[in-house]
Amino acid sequence: MLIPFWFRLLFLFMSYFPLFLVLFIKFFNYEFLVYCIKYWRFIDILFLLEIKTLNGVMGLISTLLLVISLLSILFILFELRTTEKKRIGQKKYTIKKIQPRDRDILVYLVTYVLPLISLDMDNFRDIIVLFVLILLIFWLSMYSDLLYVNPVMAALKLRIYAIETDLGEALLISKNDKFEECLGKKIICYRFIRDKETVLIDGSRGQQNE
């Protein structure tokens, strides 16, 4: 199954939102923000992070990563809602094989998030080590099942399945935590990616209500 690179990248930033949020909380200069608001020094907000300091550099980078992650989440949720509402690419598929791809959320947190946020940031060497580790984890996640271990999707009660249909393999996003019961059945799905059938959205609940 060939998942487009842009979708993998958006999904990656979405899945690492908890890490970016913790880094933002850890390094953001709240006192300077309060100062800017209190004395109407809004232009100074542009220099809020004081990038001449280590904390300033980390604050800037963590803020940018958090913003990108939030935009990725909003885009994916908007596209999911729009696709379901307009029933884009609606088609019935016979489900031949189902494999959950979003398990081991706790392993994700313990293995990747906690070690990164617990690193000391006393010098630039520590910062370099942190971002080398982040880049390594990103690279591994982009081309492995780690991409689908997504705590944000789990919090929104969205499940991710690898499925095989009568038209080939695909990734399926579903609100049904018992989707395995659809094995062998013919269900309605929508296309998340307009011109491809590699990422589908489960429409079986709407099918039951009709």
N, C-alpha and C. Protein backbone atom coordinates (compact mmCIF):
# COMPACT_ATOMS: atom_id res chain seq x y z
N MET A 1 0.85 -1.19 0.00
CA MET A 1 0.00 0.00 0.00
C MET A 1 0.89 1.24 0.00
N LEU A 2 0.70 2.12 -0.98
CA LEU A 2 1.53 3.30 -1.14
C LEU A 2 0.81 4.52 -0.56
N ILE A 3 1.25 4.95 0.63
CA ILE A 3 0.67 6.12 1.27
C ILE A 3 1.47 7.35 0.84
N PRO A 4 0.81 8.41 0.33
CA PRO A 4 1.52 9.60 -0.12
C PRO A 4 2.41 10.20 0.97
N PHE A 5 3.53 10.76 0.55
CA PHE A 5 4.49 11.32 1.50
C PHE A 5 3.88 12.44 2.33
N TRP A 6 3.08 13.32 1.71
CA TRP A 6 2.51 14.46 2.44
C TRP A 6 1.58 13.98 3.55
N PHE A 7 0.86 12.88 3.30
CA PHE A 7 -0.03 12.35 4.33
C PHE A 7 0.78 11.78 5.49
N ARG A 8 1.84 11.06 5.17
CA ARG A 8 2.72 10.52 6.22
C ARG A 8 3.30 11.64 7.08
N LEU A 9 3.71 12.72 6.42
CA LEU A 9 4.33 13.83 7.14
C LEU A 9 3.33 14.51 8.07
N LEU A 10 2.13 14.78 7.57
CA LEU A 10 1.09 15.38 8.40
C LEU A 10 0.74 14.48 9.58
N PHE A 11 0.62 13.20 9.30
CA PHE A 11 0.27 12.23 10.33
C PHE A 11 1.38 12.15 11.38
N LEU A 12 2.62 12.29 10.93
CA LEU A 12 3.76 12.24 11.84
C LEU A 12 3.73 13.41 12.81
N PHE A 13 3.53 14.62 12.28
CA PHE A 13 3.47 15.80 13.14
C PHE A 13 2.26 15.73 14.08
N MET A 14 1.19 15.14 13.60
CA MET A 14 0.01 14.97 14.45
C MET A 14 0.31 14.02 15.61
N SER A 15 0.96 12.92 15.33
CA SER A 15 1.21 11.91 16.35
C SER A 15 2.19 12.38 17.42
N TYR A 16 3.08 13.33 17.06
CA TYR A 16 4.06 13.81 18.04
C TYR A 16 3.64 15.12 18.70
N PHE A 17 2.38 15.45 18.61
CA PHE A 17 1.86 16.64 19.29
C PHE A 17 2.15 16.62 20.80
N PRO A 18 1.95 15.50 21.51
CA PRO A 18 2.26 15.50 22.96
C PRO A 18 3.71 15.87 23.27
N LEU A 19 4.64 15.38 22.46
CA LEU A 19 6.05 15.71 22.68
C LEU A 19 6.30 17.19 22.47
N PHE A 20 5.78 17.75 21.37
CA PHE A 20 5.99 19.16 21.09
C PHE A 20 5.33 20.05 22.14
N LEU A 21 4.18 19.63 22.63
CA LEU A 21 3.49 20.40 23.67
C LEU A 21 4.31 20.44 24.96
N VAL A 22 4.86 19.30 25.35
CA VAL A 22 5.68 19.24 26.57
C VAL A 22 6.94 20.09 26.41
N LEU A 23 7.58 20.01 25.24
CA LEU A 23 8.77 20.83 25.00
C LEU A 23 8.43 22.31 25.03
N PHE A 24 7.28 22.67 24.48
CA PHE A 24 6.83 24.07 24.49
C PHE A 24 6.63 24.55 25.93
N ILE A 25 5.93 23.75 26.72
CA ILE A 25 5.68 24.11 28.13
C ILE A 25 7.00 24.25 28.89
N LYS A 26 7.94 23.40 28.55
CA LYS A 26 9.22 23.37 29.26
C LYS A 26 10.09 24.58 28.95
N PHE A 27 10.06 25.07 27.71
CA PHE A 27 11.02 26.09 27.30
C PHE A 27 10.43 27.47 26.99
N PHE A 28 9.11 27.59 26.90
CA PHE A 28 8.52 28.87 26.51
C PHE A 28 8.71 29.92 27.62
N ASN A 29 8.99 31.16 27.22
CA ASN A 29 9.25 32.25 28.16
C ASN A 29 7.94 32.96 28.51
N TYR A 30 7.25 32.45 29.51
CA TYR A 30 5.95 33.00 29.89
C TYR A 30 6.08 34.39 30.52
N GLU A 31 7.13 34.61 31.29
CA GLU A 31 7.29 35.89 31.97
C GLU A 31 7.41 37.03 30.96
N PHE A 32 8.15 36.79 29.89
CA PHE A 32 8.31 37.83 28.88
C PHE A 32 7.01 38.07 28.13
N LEU A 33 6.22 37.02 27.93
CA LEU A 33 4.92 37.17 27.28
C LEU A 33 3.99 38.04 28.14
N VAL A 34 3.97 37.77 29.44
CA VAL A 34 3.15 38.58 30.36
C VAL A 34 3.60 40.03 30.33
N TYR A 35 4.91 40.23 30.27
CA TYR A 35 5.46 41.59 30.21
C TYR A 35 4.99 42.31 28.94
N CYS A 36 5.02 41.63 27.81
CA CYS A 36 4.61 42.24 26.54
C CYS A 36 3.13 42.62 26.57
N ILE A 37 2.31 41.74 27.14
CA ILE A 37 0.87 42.01 27.20
C ILE A 37 0.57 43.13 28.20
N LYS A 38 1.25 43.10 29.34
CA LYS A 38 0.99 44.08 30.40
C LYS A 38 1.35 45.49 29.96
N TYR A 39 2.46 45.64 29.24
CA TYR A 39 2.93 46.97 28.85
C TYR A 39 2.70 47.25 27.35
N TRP A 40 1.85 46.48 26.74
CA TRP A 40 1.48 46.69 25.33
C TRP A 40 2.70 46.72 24.43
N ARG A 41 3.63 45.83 24.70
CA ARG A 41 4.83 45.75 23.87
C ARG A 41 4.68 44.57 22.91
N PHE A 42 3.66 44.64 22.05
CA PHE A 42 3.33 43.48 21.22
C PHE A 42 4.40 43.18 20.17
N ILE A 43 5.09 44.22 19.72
CA ILE A 43 6.15 43.98 18.74
C ILE A 43 7.26 43.13 19.35
N ASP A 44 7.44 43.29 20.66
CA ASP A 44 8.49 42.53 21.34
C ASP A 44 8.20 41.04 21.37
N ILE A 45 6.94 40.67 21.14
CA ILE A 45 6.60 39.25 21.14
C ILE A 45 7.39 38.51 20.05
N LEU A 46 7.71 39.24 18.98
CA LEU A 46 8.49 38.63 17.91
C LEU A 46 9.87 38.20 18.40
N PHE A 47 10.34 38.85 19.45
CA PHE A 47 11.65 38.54 20.01
C PHE A 47 11.53 37.87 21.37
N LEU A 48 10.33 37.32 21.58
CA LEU A 48 9.98 36.73 22.86
C LEU A 48 10.95 35.65 23.32
N LEU A 49 11.49 34.93 22.38
CA LEU A 49 12.23 33.72 22.74
C LEU A 49 13.71 33.97 23.02
N GLU A 50 14.16 35.20 22.82
CA GLU A 50 15.54 35.55 23.17
C GLU A 50 16.52 34.49 22.66
N ILE A 51 16.62 34.40 21.36
CA ILE A 51 17.33 33.27 20.77
C ILE A 51 18.84 33.28 21.01
N LYS A 52 19.32 34.28 21.74
CA LYS A 52 20.74 34.26 22.11
C LYS A 52 21.01 33.30 23.26
N THR A 53 19.95 32.84 23.91
CA THR A 53 20.10 31.90 25.02
C THR A 53 19.68 30.50 24.58
N LEU A 54 20.13 29.49 25.32
CA LEU A 54 19.76 28.11 25.01
C LEU A 54 18.26 27.90 25.13
N ASN A 55 17.68 28.42 26.21
CA ASN A 55 16.24 28.29 26.40
C ASN A 55 15.48 29.02 25.30
N GLY A 56 16.06 30.14 24.84
CA GLY A 56 15.42 30.88 23.75
C GLY A 56 15.39 30.08 22.46
N VAL A 57 16.51 29.43 22.15
CA VAL A 57 16.57 28.58 20.95
C VAL A 57 15.57 27.44 21.04
N MET A 58 15.55 26.78 22.19
CA MET A 58 14.62 25.68 22.39
C MET A 58 13.18 26.17 22.37
N GLY A 59 12.95 27.35 22.94
CA GLY A 59 11.60 27.91 22.92
C GLY A 59 11.13 28.19 21.51
N LEU A 60 12.01 28.75 20.68
CA LEU A 60 11.67 29.05 19.29
C LEU A 60 11.36 27.77 18.52
N ILE A 61 12.24 26.79 18.63
CA ILE A 61 12.06 25.54 17.89
C ILE A 61 10.82 24.79 18.36
N SER A 62 10.63 24.70 19.67
CA SER A 62 9.46 23.98 20.19
C SER A 62 8.16 24.68 19.81
N THR A 63 8.18 26.02 19.75
CA THR A 63 6.99 26.77 19.33
C THR A 63 6.66 26.47 17.87
N LEU A 64 7.67 26.50 17.01
CA LEU A 64 7.45 26.21 15.59
C LEU A 64 6.93 24.79 15.39
N LEU A 65 7.51 23.83 16.09
CA LEU A 65 7.07 22.44 15.96
C LEU A 65 5.64 22.27 16.46
N LEU A 66 5.31 22.96 17.55
CA LEU A 66 3.95 22.87 18.09
C LEU A 66 2.93 23.47 17.12
N VAL A 67 3.27 24.60 16.52
CA VAL A 67 2.37 25.24 15.55
C VAL A 67 2.15 24.34 14.34
N ILE A 68 3.23 23.76 13.82
CA ILE A 68 3.10 22.84 12.68
C ILE A 68 2.25 21.64 13.05
N SER A 69 2.45 21.12 14.26
CA SER A 69 1.67 19.98 14.72
C SER A 69 0.19 20.32 14.84
N LEU A 70 -0.12 21.49 15.40
CA LEU A 70 -1.51 21.92 15.52
C LEU A 70 -2.16 22.11 14.16
N LEU A 71 -1.44 22.71 13.23
CA LEU A 71 -1.97 22.89 11.87
C LEU A 71 -2.22 21.55 11.20
N SER A 72 -1.34 20.59 11.43
CA SER A 72 -1.52 19.24 10.87
C SER A 72 -2.78 18.59 11.42
N ILE A 73 -2.98 18.73 12.74
CA ILE A 73 -4.17 18.16 13.38
C ILE A 73 -5.44 18.79 12.81
N LEU A 74 -5.45 20.12 12.73
CA LEU A 74 -6.63 20.83 12.22
C LEU A 74 -6.93 20.45 10.78
N PHE A 75 -5.87 20.33 9.97
CA PHE A 75 -6.07 19.97 8.56
C PHE A 75 -6.66 18.57 8.43
N ILE A 76 -6.09 17.61 9.14
CA ILE A 76 -6.56 16.23 9.05
C ILE A 76 -8.00 16.12 9.55
N LEU A 77 -8.31 16.76 10.67
CA LEU A 77 -9.68 16.70 11.21
C LEU A 77 -10.67 17.39 10.27
N PHE A 78 -10.25 18.51 9.68
CA PHE A 78 -11.11 19.20 8.71
C PHE A 78 -11.39 18.33 7.50
N GLU A 79 -10.34 17.69 6.99
CA GLU A 79 -10.50 16.82 5.83
C GLU A 79 -11.37 15.60 6.16
N LEU A 80 -11.20 15.04 7.35
CA LEU A 80 -12.03 13.91 7.76
C LEU A 80 -13.50 14.30 7.79
N ARG A 81 -13.78 15.44 8.41
CA ARG A 81 -15.17 15.90 8.53
C ARG A 81 -15.76 16.23 7.17
N THR A 82 -14.98 16.92 6.33
CA THR A 82 -15.47 17.28 4.99
C THR A 82 -15.74 16.05 4.14
N THR A 83 -14.82 15.08 4.21
CA THR A 83 -14.98 13.85 3.43
C THR A 83 -16.22 13.08 3.85
N GLU A 84 -16.45 12.98 5.17
CA GLU A 84 -17.63 12.27 5.66
C GLU A 84 -18.91 13.01 5.30
N LYS A 85 -18.89 14.32 5.46
CA LYS A 85 -20.09 15.12 5.20
C LYS A 85 -20.49 15.09 3.73
N LYS A 86 -19.51 15.21 2.85
CA LYS A 86 -19.78 15.23 1.41
C LYS A 86 -19.75 13.83 0.79
N ARG A 87 -19.37 12.84 1.61
CA ARG A 87 -19.29 11.45 1.14
C ARG A 87 -18.43 11.34 -0.13
N ILE A 88 -17.27 11.93 -0.04
CA ILE A 88 -16.36 11.97 -1.20
C ILE A 88 -15.87 10.57 -1.55
N GLY A 89 -15.99 10.21 -2.81
CA GLY A 89 -15.51 8.90 -3.28
C GLY A 89 -16.25 7.73 -2.67
N GLN A 90 -17.51 7.92 -2.32
CA GLN A 90 -18.27 6.85 -1.66
C GLN A 90 -18.33 5.60 -2.53
N LYS A 91 -18.01 4.48 -1.90
CA LYS A 91 -18.01 3.21 -2.62
C LYS A 91 -18.12 2.07 -1.62
N LYS A 92 -18.68 0.96 -2.05
CA LYS A 92 -18.75 -0.22 -1.18
C LYS A 92 -17.55 -1.12 -1.43
N TYR A 93 -16.94 -1.55 -0.34
CA TYR A 93 -15.77 -2.41 -0.42
C TYR A 93 -16.03 -3.69 0.37
N THR A 94 -15.58 -4.81 -0.19
CA THR A 94 -15.63 -6.07 0.55
C THR A 94 -14.36 -6.20 1.37
N ILE A 95 -14.51 -6.31 2.69
CA ILE A 95 -13.36 -6.36 3.60
C ILE A 95 -12.86 -7.79 3.71
N LYS A 96 -11.65 -8.03 3.20
CA LYS A 96 -11.08 -9.38 3.20
C LYS A 96 -10.09 -9.61 4.35
N LYS A 97 -9.49 -8.54 4.82
CA LYS A 97 -8.47 -8.68 5.87
C LYS A 97 -8.44 -7.40 6.69
N ILE A 98 -8.27 -7.54 8.02
CA ILE A 98 -8.23 -6.39 8.92
C ILE A 98 -7.08 -6.56 9.91
N GLN A 99 -6.28 -5.51 10.05
CA GLN A 99 -5.19 -5.54 11.02
C GLN A 99 -5.09 -4.18 11.73
N PRO A 100 -5.33 -4.13 13.05
CA PRO A 100 -5.19 -2.86 13.79
C PRO A 100 -3.75 -2.36 13.70
N ARG A 101 -3.59 -1.05 13.50
CA ARG A 101 -2.25 -0.47 13.37
C ARG A 101 -1.94 0.58 14.44
N ASP A 102 -2.82 0.72 15.41
CA ASP A 102 -2.66 1.84 16.35
C ASP A 102 -2.50 1.39 17.80
N ARG A 103 -1.95 0.22 18.01
CA ARG A 103 -1.78 -0.27 19.37
C ARG A 103 -0.48 0.26 19.99
N ASP A 104 -0.29 -0.09 21.27
CA ASP A 104 0.96 0.23 21.98
C ASP A 104 1.20 1.73 22.15
N ILE A 105 0.14 2.48 22.50
CA ILE A 105 0.29 3.91 22.77
C ILE A 105 1.22 4.13 23.97
N LEU A 106 1.09 3.29 24.98
CA LEU A 106 1.92 3.42 26.18
C LEU A 106 3.39 3.20 25.84
N VAL A 107 3.66 2.23 24.97
CA VAL A 107 5.04 1.97 24.54
C VAL A 107 5.60 3.21 23.84
N TYR A 108 4.79 3.84 23.04
CA TYR A 108 5.19 5.07 22.33
C TYR A 108 5.60 6.15 23.33
N LEU A 109 4.79 6.34 24.37
CA LEU A 109 5.07 7.38 25.35
C LEU A 109 6.33 7.08 26.14
N VAL A 110 6.46 5.84 26.59
CA VAL A 110 7.60 5.46 27.44
C VAL A 110 8.89 5.42 26.64
N THR A 111 8.82 4.93 25.41
CA THR A 111 10.03 4.73 24.61
C THR A 111 10.54 6.01 23.97
N TYR A 112 9.64 6.90 23.55
CA TYR A 112 10.07 8.05 22.77
C TYR A 112 9.86 9.40 23.46
N VAL A 113 8.69 9.61 24.03
CA VAL A 113 8.40 10.93 24.59
C VAL A 113 9.16 11.19 25.89
N LEU A 114 9.05 10.29 26.85
CA LEU A 114 9.68 10.51 28.16
C LEU A 114 11.20 10.68 28.10
N PRO A 115 11.93 9.82 27.35
CA PRO A 115 13.39 10.02 27.29
C PRO A 115 13.79 11.36 26.70
N LEU A 116 13.02 11.84 25.71
CA LEU A 116 13.38 13.10 25.07
C LEU A 116 13.16 14.30 25.98
N ILE A 117 12.04 14.32 26.69
CA ILE A 117 11.75 15.47 27.54
C ILE A 117 12.58 15.46 28.83
N SER A 118 13.17 14.32 29.15
CA SER A 118 13.97 14.23 30.38
C SER A 118 15.43 14.60 30.16
N LEU A 119 15.81 14.85 28.90
CA LEU A 119 17.20 15.23 28.61
C LEU A 119 17.51 16.61 29.19
N ASP A 120 18.71 16.77 29.73
CA ASP A 120 19.15 18.08 30.22
C ASP A 120 19.56 18.94 29.04
N MET A 121 19.23 20.25 29.10
CA MET A 121 19.56 21.17 28.03
C MET A 121 20.52 22.25 28.54
N ASP A 122 21.67 21.81 29.03
CA ASP A 122 22.61 22.74 29.65
C ASP A 122 23.56 23.40 28.64
N ASN A 123 23.69 22.80 27.46
CA ASN A 123 24.58 23.38 26.45
C ASN A 123 24.10 22.98 25.06
N PHE A 124 24.75 23.55 24.04
CA PHE A 124 24.33 23.30 22.66
C PHE A 124 24.52 21.84 22.26
N ARG A 125 25.47 21.17 22.89
CA ARG A 125 25.68 19.75 22.59
C ARG A 125 24.44 18.94 22.95
N ASP A 126 23.82 19.28 24.09
CA ASP A 126 22.60 18.58 24.50
C ASP A 126 21.47 18.84 23.51
N ILE A 127 21.38 20.07 23.01
CA ILE A 127 20.34 20.42 22.04
C ILE A 127 20.55 19.64 20.75
N ILE A 128 21.81 19.55 20.31
CA ILE A 128 22.11 18.79 19.09
C ILE A 128 21.73 17.33 19.26
N VAL A 129 22.06 16.75 20.42
CA VAL A 129 21.70 15.35 20.70
C VAL A 129 20.19 15.17 20.64
N LEU A 130 19.45 16.11 21.24
CA LEU A 130 17.99 16.03 21.25
C LEU A 130 17.43 15.99 19.84
N PHE A 131 17.89 16.89 18.99
CA PHE A 131 17.31 16.97 17.66
C PHE A 131 17.81 15.88 16.72
N VAL A 132 18.99 15.36 16.98
CA VAL A 132 19.42 14.17 16.23
C VAL A 132 18.51 13.00 16.57
N LEU A 133 18.17 12.85 17.85
CA LEU A 133 17.25 11.78 18.27
C LEU A 133 15.87 11.98 17.67
N ILE A 134 15.38 13.22 17.67
CA ILE A 134 14.06 13.50 17.10
C ILE A 134 14.04 13.18 15.61
N LEU A 135 15.08 13.59 14.89
CA LEU A 135 15.16 13.30 13.45
C LEU A 135 15.22 11.80 13.19
N LEU A 136 15.98 11.09 14.02
CA LEU A 136 16.08 9.64 13.87
C LEU A 136 14.72 8.97 14.10
N ILE A 137 14.02 9.40 15.15
CA ILE A 137 12.70 8.84 15.44
C ILE A 137 11.72 9.18 14.32
N PHE A 138 11.80 10.40 13.80
CA PHE A 138 10.93 10.80 12.69
C PHE A 138 11.18 9.91 11.48
N TRP A 139 12.44 9.70 11.16
CA TRP A 139 12.78 8.89 9.99
C TRP A 139 12.27 7.46 10.16
N LEU A 140 12.49 6.89 11.35
CA LEU A 140 12.00 5.53 11.61
C LEU A 140 10.48 5.46 11.56
N SER A 141 9.83 6.48 12.10
CA SER A 141 8.37 6.49 12.14
C SER A 141 7.77 6.61 10.74
N MET A 142 8.40 7.40 9.89
CA MET A 142 7.87 7.63 8.54
C MET A 142 7.73 6.35 7.75
N TYR A 143 8.59 5.38 8.02
CA TYR A 143 8.62 4.16 7.20
C TYR A 143 8.42 2.90 8.03
N SER A 144 7.67 3.04 9.12
CA SER A 144 7.36 1.87 9.95
C SER A 144 5.97 2.02 10.54
N ASP A 145 5.55 1.01 11.29
CA ASP A 145 4.23 1.03 11.92
C ASP A 145 4.12 2.07 13.02
N LEU A 146 5.25 2.63 13.46
CA LEU A 146 5.21 3.68 14.49
C LEU A 146 4.41 4.88 14.03
N LEU A 147 4.32 5.07 12.71
CA LEU A 147 3.58 6.20 12.16
C LEU A 147 2.12 6.18 12.60
N TYR A 148 1.58 4.98 12.80
CA TYR A 148 0.16 4.85 13.10
C TYR A 148 -0.14 4.78 14.59
N VAL A 149 0.91 4.82 15.41
CA VAL A 149 0.70 4.88 16.87
C VAL A 149 0.49 6.35 17.21
N ASN A 150 -0.77 6.77 17.21
CA ASN A 150 -1.11 8.19 17.24
C ASN A 150 -1.97 8.50 18.46
N PRO A 151 -1.39 9.06 19.52
CA PRO A 151 -2.18 9.35 20.73
C PRO A 151 -3.28 10.37 20.52
N VAL A 152 -3.10 11.28 19.56
CA VAL A 152 -4.15 12.27 19.28
C VAL A 152 -5.37 11.59 18.68
N MET A 153 -5.15 10.69 17.73
CA MET A 153 -6.26 9.93 17.14
C MET A 153 -6.93 9.07 18.21
N ALA A 154 -6.13 8.48 19.09
CA ALA A 154 -6.69 7.65 20.16
C ALA A 154 -7.56 8.49 21.09
N ALA A 155 -7.10 9.71 21.41
CA ALA A 155 -7.87 10.60 22.29
C ALA A 155 -9.19 11.00 21.64
N LEU A 156 -9.21 11.08 20.32
CA LEU A 156 -10.43 11.43 19.58
C LEU A 156 -11.27 10.20 19.25
N LYS A 157 -10.86 9.05 19.77
CA LYS A 157 -11.55 7.78 19.57
C LYS A 157 -11.64 7.40 18.09
N LEU A 158 -10.55 7.65 17.38
CA LEU A 158 -10.43 7.24 15.99
C LEU A 158 -9.42 6.10 15.91
N ARG A 159 -9.82 5.02 15.28
CA ARG A 159 -8.96 3.85 15.14
C ARG A 159 -8.36 3.79 13.74
N ILE A 160 -7.21 3.15 13.65
CA ILE A 160 -6.51 3.02 12.37
C ILE A 160 -6.31 1.54 12.07
N TYR A 161 -6.72 1.12 10.88
CA TYR A 161 -6.62 -0.28 10.49
C TYR A 161 -5.94 -0.38 9.12
N ALA A 162 -5.16 -1.42 8.95
CA ALA A 162 -4.68 -1.80 7.62
C ALA A 162 -5.66 -2.85 7.11
N ILE A 163 -6.25 -2.61 5.96
CA ILE A 163 -7.25 -3.54 5.44
C ILE A 163 -6.89 -3.99 4.03
N GLU A 164 -7.47 -5.11 3.67
CA GLU A 164 -7.39 -5.59 2.29
C GLU A 164 -8.81 -5.72 1.78
N THR A 165 -9.09 -5.08 0.66
CA THR A 165 -10.42 -5.12 0.07
C THR A 165 -10.37 -5.83 -1.28
N ASP A 166 -11.52 -5.89 -1.92
CA ASP A 166 -11.56 -6.49 -3.25
C ASP A 166 -10.81 -5.65 -4.28
N LEU A 167 -10.44 -4.41 -3.90
CA LEU A 167 -9.71 -3.53 -4.82
C LEU A 167 -8.25 -3.32 -4.42
N GLY A 168 -7.82 -4.01 -3.37
CA GLY A 168 -6.43 -3.90 -2.95
C GLY A 168 -6.28 -3.50 -1.49
N GLU A 169 -5.05 -3.18 -1.10
CA GLU A 169 -4.75 -2.81 0.28
C GLU A 169 -4.98 -1.31 0.51
N ALA A 170 -5.34 -0.97 1.75
CA ALA A 170 -5.59 0.43 2.09
C ALA A 170 -5.46 0.64 3.59
N LEU A 171 -5.34 1.89 3.96
CA LEU A 171 -5.37 2.28 5.37
C LEU A 171 -6.76 2.82 5.65
N LEU A 172 -7.36 2.41 6.76
CA LEU A 172 -8.72 2.82 7.08
C LEU A 172 -8.76 3.55 8.41
N ILE A 173 -9.45 4.69 8.44
CA ILE A 173 -9.69 5.44 9.67
C ILE A 173 -11.14 5.24 10.06
N SER A 174 -11.37 4.81 11.29
CA SER A 174 -12.73 4.45 11.71
C SER A 174 -13.01 4.89 13.15
N LYS A 175 -14.27 5.22 13.42
CA LYS A 175 -14.72 5.50 14.79
C LYS A 175 -15.21 4.23 15.47
N ASN A 176 -15.22 3.15 14.73
CA ASN A 176 -15.73 1.88 15.23
C ASN A 176 -14.59 1.07 15.84
N ASP A 177 -14.60 0.91 17.17
CA ASP A 177 -13.52 0.16 17.82
C ASP A 177 -13.73 -1.35 17.71
N LYS A 178 -14.82 -1.75 17.06
CA LYS A 178 -15.07 -3.17 16.80
C LYS A 178 -15.17 -3.43 15.30
N PHE A 179 -14.33 -2.71 14.57
CA PHE A 179 -14.39 -2.84 13.12
C PHE A 179 -14.02 -4.24 12.64
N GLU A 180 -13.29 -4.98 13.48
CA GLU A 180 -12.92 -6.35 13.10
C GLU A 180 -14.15 -7.20 12.78
N GLU A 181 -15.31 -6.82 13.34
CA GLU A 181 -16.54 -7.56 13.08
C GLU A 181 -17.05 -7.37 11.65
N CYS A 182 -16.46 -6.43 10.94
CA CYS A 182 -16.86 -6.18 9.55
C CYS A 182 -16.13 -7.09 8.57
N LEU A 183 -15.27 -7.96 9.08
CA LEU A 183 -14.51 -8.86 8.21
C LEU A 183 -15.47 -9.71 7.37
N GLY A 184 -15.23 -9.72 6.06
CA GLY A 184 -16.07 -10.50 5.15
C GLY A 184 -17.32 -9.77 4.70
N LYS A 185 -17.57 -8.59 5.26
CA LYS A 185 -18.77 -7.83 4.89
C LYS A 185 -18.45 -6.78 3.84
N LYS A 186 -19.50 -6.26 3.24
CA LYS A 186 -19.36 -5.19 2.26
C LYS A 186 -19.81 -3.90 2.93
N ILE A 187 -18.90 -2.95 3.06
CA ILE A 187 -19.24 -1.70 3.75
C ILE A 187 -18.93 -0.48 2.89
N ILE A 188 -19.56 0.62 3.25
CA ILE A 188 -19.32 1.89 2.56
C ILE A 188 -18.08 2.57 3.14
N CYS A 189 -17.24 3.05 2.26
CA CYS A 189 -16.07 3.83 2.67
C CYS A 189 -15.97 5.07 1.80
N TYR A 190 -15.29 6.08 2.33
CA TYR A 190 -15.03 7.30 1.57
C TYR A 190 -13.53 7.45 1.36
N ARG A 191 -13.17 8.16 0.30
CA ARG A 191 -11.75 8.36 0.01
C ARG A 191 -11.23 9.61 0.72
N PHE A 192 -10.26 9.43 1.61
CA PHE A 192 -9.65 10.58 2.28
C PHE A 192 -8.76 11.34 1.31
N ILE A 193 -8.02 10.60 0.49
CA ILE A 193 -7.19 11.20 -0.55
C ILE A 193 -7.98 11.11 -1.85
N ARG A 194 -8.28 12.27 -2.41
CA ARG A 194 -9.28 12.37 -3.48
C ARG A 194 -9.08 11.42 -4.66
N ASP A 195 -7.85 11.35 -5.17
CA ASP A 195 -7.62 10.60 -6.40
C ASP A 195 -7.04 9.21 -6.16
N LYS A 196 -7.00 8.78 -4.88
CA LYS A 196 -6.44 7.45 -4.59
C LYS A 196 -7.30 6.73 -3.57
N GLU A 197 -7.18 5.41 -3.56
CA GLU A 197 -7.94 4.60 -2.62
C GLU A 197 -7.03 3.94 -1.59
N THR A 198 -5.94 4.63 -1.26
CA THR A 198 -4.98 4.08 -0.30
C THR A 198 -5.31 4.45 1.14
N VAL A 199 -6.06 5.55 1.34
CA VAL A 199 -6.51 5.96 2.67
C VAL A 199 -8.01 6.15 2.63
N LEU A 200 -8.73 5.33 3.39
CA LEU A 200 -10.19 5.35 3.37
C LEU A 200 -10.74 5.75 4.73
N ILE A 201 -11.99 6.22 4.72
CA ILE A 201 -12.71 6.55 5.95
C ILE A 201 -13.92 5.64 6.05
N ASP A 202 -14.08 5.02 7.19
CA ASP A 202 -15.18 4.08 7.41
C ASP A 202 -16.53 4.81 7.41
N GLY A 203 -17.42 4.36 6.54
CA GLY A 203 -18.77 4.93 6.48
C GLY A 203 -19.82 3.93 6.90
N SER A 204 -19.43 2.88 7.60
CA SER A 204 -20.36 1.79 7.92
C SER A 204 -21.44 2.22 8.91
N ARG A 205 -21.15 3.18 9.78
CA ARG A 205 -22.16 3.64 10.73
C ARG A 205 -23.27 4.38 10.02
N GLY A 206 -22.89 5.21 9.05
CA GLY A 206 -23.90 5.88 8.25
C GLY A 206 -24.71 4.89 7.43
N GLN A 207 -24.05 3.82 7.01
CA GLN A 207 -24.71 2.76 6.25
C GLN A 207 -25.78 2.09 7.10
N GLN A 208 -25.51 1.90 8.40
CA GLN A 208 -26.47 1.25 9.29
C GLN A 208 -27.67 2.14 9.57
N ASN A 209 -27.44 3.48 9.53
CA ASN A 209 -28.53 4.40 9.83
C ASN A 209 -29.45 4.62 8.65
N GLU A 210 -29.04 4.20 7.47
CA GLU A 210 -29.86 4.41 6.27
C GLU A 210 -30.91 3.32 6.15
